[in-house]
């Protein structure tokens, strides 16, 4: 099971792109647990599975 995921977002504009997941993938709720913005403007975002409340 996926415990956490870290995404690196590089700010660039494009007209089209590939989806990160397929549309048939079920929705998974995540909670942001850490973040960092680099000097170059990249965002490093770490998420964990959201606990049921």
Protein backbone atom coordinates (compact mmCIF):
# COMPACT_ATOMS: atom_id res chain seq x y z
CA UNK A 1 0.00 0.00 0.00
CA UNK A 2 1.20 3.52 -0.79
CA UNK A 3 2.30 5.25 2.41
CA UNK A 4 3.30 8.59 0.87
CA UNK A 5 3.97 10.23 -2.46
CA UNK A 6 6.27 13.14 -3.31
CA UNK A 7 5.55 15.26 -6.37
CA UNK A 8 7.96 17.72 -7.95
CA UNK A 9 6.17 20.49 -9.80
CA UNK A 10 8.21 22.48 -12.29
CA UNK A 11 6.41 25.67 -13.35
CA UNK A 12 5.97 25.60 -17.12
CA UNK A 13 2.99 26.23 -19.37
CA UNK A 14 2.10 23.71 -22.05
CA UNK A 15 -0.87 23.45 -24.34
CA UNK A 16 -1.40 19.74 -23.78
CA UNK A 17 -0.07 17.03 -21.56
CA UNK A 18 -0.41 13.49 -20.32
CA UNK A 19 -2.56 12.77 -17.27
CA UNK A 20 -0.78 11.55 -14.15
CA UNK A 21 -3.43 8.83 -13.67
CA UNK A 22 -6.09 7.22 -15.83
CA UNK A 23 -9.63 8.59 -15.54
CA UNK A 24 -10.86 5.20 -14.32
CA UNK A 25 -8.59 5.37 -11.25
CA UNK A 26 -10.69 5.68 -8.07
CA UNK A 27 -10.36 8.92 -6.08
CA UNK A 28 -7.79 8.71 -3.27
CA UNK A 29 -7.85 11.45 -0.65
CA UNK A 30 -4.44 12.77 0.39
CA UNK A 31 -3.14 15.12 3.09
CA UNK A 32 -0.18 17.45 2.49
CA UNK A 33 2.48 16.53 5.09
CA UNK A 34 5.50 18.50 3.83
CA UNK A 35 6.38 21.10 1.22
CA UNK A 36 9.41 22.96 -0.10
CA UNK A 37 9.82 25.59 -2.80
CA UNK A 38 13.32 25.67 -4.31
CA UNK A 39 15.26 28.75 -5.42
CA UNK A 40 14.36 27.87 -9.02
CA UNK A 41 10.64 27.86 -8.21
CA UNK A 42 10.09 24.10 -8.16
CA UNK A 43 7.61 22.85 -5.58
CA UNK A 44 8.28 19.58 -3.75
CA UNK A 45 5.04 18.36 -2.20
CA UNK A 46 4.78 15.26 -0.02
CA UNK A 47 1.38 13.71 0.62
CA UNK A 48 0.14 10.84 2.79
CA UNK A 49 -3.13 8.95 2.65
CA UNK A 50 -5.83 10.95 4.43
CA UNK A 51 -7.00 9.26 7.62
CA UNK A 52 -10.75 8.67 7.87
CA UNK A 53 -12.34 11.06 10.34
